[in-house]
Amino acid sequence: MSRIGKKPVTVPSGVDVSYAGGELKVKGPKGNISRKIAHGVSFERDGDVITVVRANNSGPVRAAHGLMRALLANMVEGVTKGFTKNLEIIGVGYKAEIKGRMLVMNLGFSHPIKYPFPDGIDIVVNPKDRTKVSVQGIDKETVGQVAAELRGYRPPDSYKGKGVRYVGEQVRLKAGKSGQ
């Protein structure tokens, strides 16, 4: 039995969880999220606690058991608190700014990089220090994907450390040329 799949998910007040027709819907104060339910997995509700139950012990169903429980817990947390990924831009002249629903980043290329906000995602740039970018939303998967795409435009350089990185990310710098 999956250790994660066995753990019950507590639903706080103000959050409505419904599952029917192969779809799981979570509605809360920050918004709504829906996701397809994996085959062979069902949910049992007992008051404000939901447990994930699997139909049999086949490999794919066992794998989906813990996955669906983790996804449900992330959906409940997303509609109550939300998720945030923080990025920092390091480099001389590297900066970001918001223009409408578009993030414009200058990362040392001959042109600025324009990134339109996906649905359900807010990107915030610190107005005093335009090298701090925060990606916020209610879907953990989408927040992480957007942060990874922004980091992918200029990943940290292994020699000088310039580029876009997550806050707190450790970048190991290589030694440069050895002079004689």
C-alpha atoms as a PDB file:
ATOM      1  CA  MET A   1       0.000   0.000   0.000  1.00  0.00           C
ATOM      2  CA  SER A   2       1.293   3.438  -0.880  1.00  0.00           C
ATOM      3  CA  ARG A   3       2.392   5.417   2.157  1.00  0.00           C
ATOM      4  CA  ILE A   4       1.338   8.666   0.546  1.00  0.00           C
ATOM      5  CA  GLY A   5      -1.891   7.197  -0.854  1.00  0.00           C
ATOM      6  CA  LYS A   6      -3.004   6.028   2.607  1.00  0.00           C
ATOM      7  CA  LYS A   7      -2.801   9.498   4.147  1.00  0.00           C
ATOM      8  CA  PRO A   8      -6.173  11.253   4.286  1.00  0.00           C
ATOM      9  CA  VAL A   9      -6.630  14.763   2.878  1.00  0.00           C
ATOM     10  CA  THR A  10      -8.305  17.244   5.211  1.00  0.00           C
ATOM     11  CA  VAL A  11     -10.598  19.688   3.433  1.00  0.00           C
ATOM     12  CA  PRO A  12     -10.768  23.072   5.215  1.00  0.00           C
ATOM     13  CA  SER A  13     -13.979  25.030   5.523  1.00  0.00           C
ATOM     14  CA  GLY A  14     -14.774  27.147   2.480  1.00  0.00           C
ATOM     15  CA  VAL A  15     -13.413  24.516   0.074  1.00  0.00           C
ATOM     16  CA  ASP A  16     -15.782  22.351  -1.961  1.00  0.00           C
ATOM     17  CA  VAL A  17     -14.487  19.075  -3.436  1.00  0.00           C
ATOM     18  CA  SER A  18     -16.614  17.128  -5.931  1.00  0.00           C
ATOM     19  CA  TYR A  19     -15.777  14.068  -8.001  1.00  0.00           C
ATOM     20  CA  ALA A  20     -18.080  12.684 -10.663  1.00  0.00           C
ATOM     21  CA  GLY A  21     -17.839  11.572 -14.260  1.00  0.00           C
ATOM     22  CA  GLY A  22     -14.118  10.868 -14.064  1.00  0.00           C
ATOM     23  CA  GLU A  23     -13.299  14.432 -13.030  1.00  0.00           C
ATOM     24  CA  LEU A  24     -12.168  15.909  -9.729  1.00  0.00           C
ATOM     25  CA  LYS A  25     -13.207  19.519  -9.068  1.00  0.00           C
ATOM     26  CA  VAL A  26     -11.987  21.699  -6.211  1.00  0.00           C
ATOM     27  CA  LYS A  27     -13.510  25.121  -5.565  1.00  0.00           C
ATOM     28  CA  GLY A  28     -12.131  27.526  -2.966  1.00  0.00           C
ATOM     29  CA  PRO A  29     -11.625  31.180  -2.114  1.00  0.00           C
ATOM     30  CA  LYS A  30      -8.776  31.661  -4.654  1.00  0.00           C
ATOM     31  CA  GLY A  31     -10.444  29.886  -7.597  1.00  0.00           C
ATOM     32  CA  ASN A  32     -11.393  26.578  -9.181  1.00  0.00           C
ATOM     33  CA  ILE A  33      -9.261  23.658 -10.373  1.00  0.00           C
ATOM     34  CA  SER A  34     -10.352  20.500 -12.154  1.00  0.00           C
ATOM     35  CA  ARG A  35      -8.415  17.386 -13.154  1.00  0.00           C
ATOM     36  CA  LYS A  36      -9.203  13.993 -14.657  1.00  0.00           C
ATOM     37  CA  ILE A  37      -9.245  11.072 -12.234  1.00  0.00           C
ATOM     38  CA  ALA A  38      -6.888   8.184 -13.002  1.00  0.00           C
ATOM     39  CA  HIS A  39      -8.484   4.838 -13.893  1.00  0.00           C
ATOM     40  CA  GLY A  40      -8.896   2.459 -10.950  1.00  0.00           C
ATOM     41  CA  VAL A  41      -8.853   5.174  -8.271  1.00  0.00           C
ATOM     42  CA  SER A  42     -11.854   6.474  -6.334  1.00  0.00           C
ATOM     43  CA  PHE A  43     -12.452   8.777  -3.381  1.00  0.00           C
ATOM     44  CA  GLU A  44     -14.297   8.277  -0.089  1.00  0.00           C
ATOM     45  CA  ARG A  45     -15.483  11.254   1.903  1.00  0.00           C
ATOM     46  CA  ASP A  46     -16.075  11.158   5.652  1.00  0.00           C
ATOM     47  CA  GLY A  47     -17.013  14.631   6.859  1.00  0.00           C
ATOM     48  CA  ASP A  48     -14.122  16.941   6.055  1.00  0.00           C
ATOM     49  CA  VAL A  49     -11.651  14.094   5.355  1.00  0.00           C
ATOM     50  CA  ILE A  50     -11.162  12.486   1.937  1.00  0.00           C
ATOM     51  CA  THR A  51      -9.264   9.233   1.419  1.00  0.00           C
ATOM     52  CA  VAL A  52      -8.111   7.837  -1.908  1.00  0.00           C
ATOM     53  CA  VAL A  53      -9.082   4.208  -2.553  1.00  0.00           C
ATOM     54  CA  ARG A  54      -7.739   1.981  -5.304  1.00  0.00           C
ATOM     55  CA  ALA A  55      -9.694  -0.739  -7.062  1.00  0.00           C
ATOM     56  CA  ASN A  56      -6.968  -3.408  -7.242  1.00  0.00           C
ATOM     57  CA  ASN A  57      -3.244  -3.970  -6.777  1.00  0.00           C
ATOM     58  CA  SER A  58      -2.097  -3.810 -10.396  1.00  0.00           C
ATOM     59  CA  GLY A  59       1.014  -1.729 -11.100  1.00  0.00           C
ATOM     60  CA  PRO A  60      -0.581   1.258 -12.874  1.00  0.00           C
ATOM     61  CA  VAL A  61      -3.350   1.545 -10.279  1.00  0.00           C
ATOM     62  CA  ARG A  62      -0.841   1.403  -7.415  1.00  0.00           C
ATOM     63  CA  ALA A  63       1.196   4.147  -9.093  1.00  0.00           C
ATOM     64  CA  ALA A  64      -1.893   6.307  -9.600  1.00  0.00           C
ATOM     65  CA  HIS A  65      -2.994   5.826  -5.978  1.00  0.00           C
ATOM     66  CA  GLY A  66      -0.280   7.997  -4.408  1.00  0.00           C
ATOM     67  CA  LEU A  67      -0.276  10.368  -7.381  1.00  0.00           C
ATOM     68  CA  MET A  68      -3.998  11.164  -7.106  1.00  0.00           C
ATOM     69  CA  ARG A  69      -3.713  11.732  -3.361  1.00  0.00           C
ATOM     70  CA  ALA A  70      -0.792  14.150  -3.859  1.00  0.00           C
ATOM     71  CA  LEU A  71      -2.642  15.956  -6.668  1.00  0.00           C
ATOM     72  CA  LEU A  72      -5.766  16.298  -4.506  1.00  0.00           C
ATOM     73  CA  ALA A  73      -3.729  17.681  -1.597  1.00  0.00           C
ATOM     74  CA  ASN A  74      -2.011  20.180  -3.940  1.00  0.00           C
ATOM     75  CA  MET A  75      -5.359  21.264  -5.394  1.00  0.00           C
ATOM     76  CA  VAL A  76      -6.815  21.875  -1.919  1.00  0.00           C
ATOM     77  CA  GLU A  77      -3.715  23.814  -0.841  1.00  0.00           C
ATOM     78  CA  GLY A  78      -3.736  25.807  -4.086  1.00  0.00           C
ATOM     79  CA  VAL A  79      -7.312  27.070  -3.750  1.00  0.00           C
ATOM     80  CA  THR A  80      -6.728  28.045  -0.098  1.00  0.00           C
ATOM     81  CA  LYS A  81      -3.156  29.429   0.019  1.00  0.00           C
ATOM     82  CA  GLY A  82      -1.816  29.395  -3.540  1.00  0.00           C
ATOM     83  CA  PHE A  83       1.719  28.629  -4.700  1.00  0.00           C
ATOM     84  CA  THR A  84       4.702  30.891  -5.351  1.00  0.00           C
ATOM     85  CA  LYS A  85       8.061  30.363  -7.051  1.00  0.00           C
ATOM     86  CA  ASN A  86      10.642  33.119  -6.685  1.00  0.00           C
ATOM     87  CA  LEU A  87      13.341  33.762  -9.271  1.00  0.00           C
ATOM     88  CA  GLU A  88      16.311  36.097  -9.240  1.00  0.00           C
ATOM     89  CA  ILE A  89      18.106  37.553 -12.246  1.00  0.00           C
ATOM     90  CA  ILE A  90      21.860  37.929 -11.876  1.00  0.00           C
ATOM     91  CA  GLY A  91      24.018  39.829 -14.349  1.00  0.00           C
ATOM     92  CA  VAL A  92      25.008  43.366 -15.306  1.00  0.00           C
ATOM     93  CA  GLY A  93      22.073  45.009 -17.097  1.00  0.00           C
ATOM     94  CA  TYR A  94      19.803  41.986 -16.637  1.00  0.00           C
ATOM     95  CA  LYS A  95      16.331  43.049 -15.509  1.00  0.00           C
ATOM     96  CA  ALA A  96      12.623  42.371 -15.870  1.00  0.00           C
ATOM     97  CA  GLU A  97       9.492  44.504 -16.055  1.00  0.00           C
ATOM     98  CA  ILE A  98       5.751  44.049 -16.491  1.00  0.00           C
ATOM     99  CA  LYS A  99       3.914  45.622 -19.443  1.00  0.00           C
ATOM    100  CA  GLY A 100       0.217  44.771 -19.270  1.00  0.00           C
ATOM    101  CA  ARG A 101      -0.050  40.960 -19.124  1.00  0.00           C
ATOM    102  CA  MET A 102       3.457  40.524 -20.564  1.00  0.00           C
ATOM    103  CA  LEU A 103       6.773  39.976 -18.775  1.00  0.00           C
ATOM    104  CA  VAL A 104       9.645  41.678 -20.619  1.00  0.00           C
ATOM    105  CA  MET A 105      13.138  40.494 -19.671  1.00  0.00           C
ATOM    106  CA  ASN A 106      16.503  41.896 -20.760  1.00  0.00           C
ATOM    107  CA  LEU A 107      18.957  39.022 -20.377  1.00  0.00           C
ATOM    108  CA  GLY A 108      21.956  40.127 -22.410  1.00  0.00           C
ATOM    109  CA  PHE A 109      20.568  39.173 -25.822  1.00  0.00           C
ATOM    110  CA  SER A 110      20.237  41.629 -28.703  1.00  0.00           C
ATOM    111  CA  HIS A 111      16.465  41.664 -28.131  1.00  0.00           C
ATOM    112  CA  PRO A 112      14.196  41.683 -25.079  1.00  0.00           C
ATOM    113  CA  ILE A 113      12.355  38.457 -24.246  1.00  0.00           C
ATOM    114  CA  LYS A 114       8.578  38.880 -24.086  1.00  0.00           C
ATOM    115  CA  TYR A 115       6.645  36.256 -22.110  1.00  0.00           C
ATOM    116  CA  PRO A 116       2.818  36.469 -22.031  1.00  0.00           C
ATOM    117  CA  PHE A 117       1.180  35.398 -18.762  1.00  0.00           C
ATOM    118  CA  PRO A 118      -0.611  32.021 -19.017  1.00  0.00           C
ATOM    119  CA  ASP A 119      -4.187  31.788 -17.699  1.00  0.00           C
ATOM    120  CA  GLY A 120      -4.353  31.560 -13.908  1.00  0.00           C
ATOM    121  CA  ILE A 121      -0.794  32.819 -13.389  1.00  0.00           C
ATOM    122  CA  ASP A 122       0.329  36.165 -11.998  1.00  0.00           C
ATOM    123  CA  ILE A 123       3.917  37.321 -12.355  1.00  0.00           C
ATOM    124  CA  VAL A 124       5.141  40.069 -10.032  1.00  0.00           C
ATOM    125  CA  VAL A 125       8.367  42.042 -10.396  1.00  0.00           C
ATOM    126  CA  ASN A 126       9.722  43.989  -7.434  1.00  0.00           C
ATOM    127  CA  PRO A 127       9.532  47.656  -8.588  1.00  0.00           C
ATOM    128  CA  LYS A 128      12.598  48.737  -6.561  1.00  0.00           C
ATOM    129  CA  ASP A 129      14.779  45.763  -7.432  1.00  0.00           C
ATOM    130  CA  ARG A 130      13.804  44.652 -10.940  1.00  0.00           C
ATOM    131  CA  THR A 131      15.874  41.482 -10.637  1.00  0.00           C
ATOM    132  CA  LYS A 132      13.375  39.714  -8.357  1.00  0.00           C
ATOM    133  CA  VAL A 133      10.511  37.901 -10.128  1.00  0.00           C
ATOM    134  CA  SER A 134       7.698  36.023  -8.376  1.00  0.00           C
ATOM    135  CA  VAL A 135       5.415  33.534 -10.173  1.00  0.00           C
ATOM    136  CA  GLN A 136       2.090  32.995  -8.355  1.00  0.00           C
ATOM    137  CA  GLY A 137      -0.969  30.845  -8.995  1.00  0.00           C
ATOM    138  CA  ILE A 138      -3.295  28.160  -7.646  1.00  0.00           C
ATOM    139  CA  ASP A 139      -2.055  25.241  -9.785  1.00  0.00           C
ATOM    140  CA  LYS A 140       1.305  23.947  -8.516  1.00  0.00           C
ATOM    141  CA  GLU A 141       2.133  22.259 -11.817  1.00  0.00           C
ATOM    142  CA  THR A 142       1.562  25.403 -13.889  1.00  0.00           C
ATOM    143  CA  VAL A 143       3.480  27.651 -11.462  1.00  0.00           C
ATOM    144  CA  GLY A 144       6.469  25.319 -11.584  1.00  0.00           C
ATOM    145  CA  GLN A 145       6.304  25.022 -15.379  1.00  0.00           C
ATOM    146  CA  VAL A 146       6.193  28.809 -15.894  1.00  0.00           C
ATOM    147  CA  ALA A 147       9.112  29.304 -13.489  1.00  0.00           C
ATOM    148  CA  ALA A 148      11.103  26.618 -15.340  1.00  0.00           C
ATOM    149  CA  GLU A 149      10.354  28.259 -18.709  1.00  0.00           C
ATOM    150  CA  LEU A 150      11.515  31.662 -17.430  1.00  0.00           C
ATOM    151  CA  ARG A 151      14.686  30.095 -16.032  1.00  0.00           C
ATOM    152  CA  GLY A 152      15.230  28.296 -19.337  1.00  0.00           C
ATOM    153  CA  TYR A 153      15.668  31.547 -21.269  1.00  0.00           C
ATOM    154  CA  ARG A 154      19.047  32.126 -19.589  1.00  0.00           C
ATOM    155  CA  PRO A 155      20.035  29.331 -17.162  1.00  0.00           C
ATOM    156  CA  PRO A 156      22.826  30.168 -14.710  1.00  0.00           C
ATOM    157  CA  ASP A 157      26.237  30.206 -16.352  1.00  0.00           C
ATOM    158  CA  SER A 158      28.656  27.740 -14.760  1.00  0.00           C
ATOM    159  CA  TYR A 159      31.640  30.135 -14.985  1.00  0.00           C
ATOM    160  CA  LYS A 160      30.290  33.499 -13.781  1.00  0.00           C
ATOM    161  CA  GLY A 161      26.885  32.499 -12.380  1.00  0.00           C
ATOM    162  CA  LYS A 162      24.983  34.987 -14.562  1.00  0.00           C
ATOM    163  CA  GLY A 163      21.429  34.179 -15.582  1.00  0.00           C
ATOM    164  CA  VAL A 164      18.006  33.399 -14.128  1.00  0.00           C
ATOM    165  CA  ARG A 165      17.890  31.110 -11.093  1.00  0.00           C
ATOM    166  CA  TYR A 166      15.524  30.114  -8.324  1.00  0.00           C
ATOM    167  CA  VAL A 167      15.953  31.991  -5.045  1.00  0.00           C
ATOM    168  CA  GLY A 168      18.257  29.892  -2.891  1.00  0.00           C
ATOM    169  CA  GLU A 169      19.527  27.757  -5.795  1.00  0.00           C
ATOM    170  CA  GLN A 170      23.181  26.813  -5.407  1.00  0.00           C
ATOM    171  CA  VAL A 171      25.196  27.183  -8.615  1.00  0.00           C
ATOM    172  CA  ARG A 172      28.610  25.537  -8.540  1.00  0.00           C
ATOM    173  CA  LEU A 173      31.071  27.697 -10.413  1.00  0.00           C
ATOM    174  CA  LYS A 174      33.849  26.088 -12.433  1.00  0.00           C
ATOM    175  CA  ALA A 175      37.394  27.344 -12.327  1.00  0.00           C
ATOM    176  CA  GLY A 176      38.284  29.523 -15.291  1.00  0.00           C
ATOM    177  CA  LYS A 177      41.433  29.345 -17.342  1.00  0.00           C
ATOM    178  CA  SER A 178      44.560  28.649 -15.349  1.00  0.00           C
ATOM    179  CA  GLY A 179      47.165  31.282 -16.091  1.00  0.00           C
ATOM    180  CA  GLN A 180      50.831  30.324 -16.270  1.00  0.00           C
END
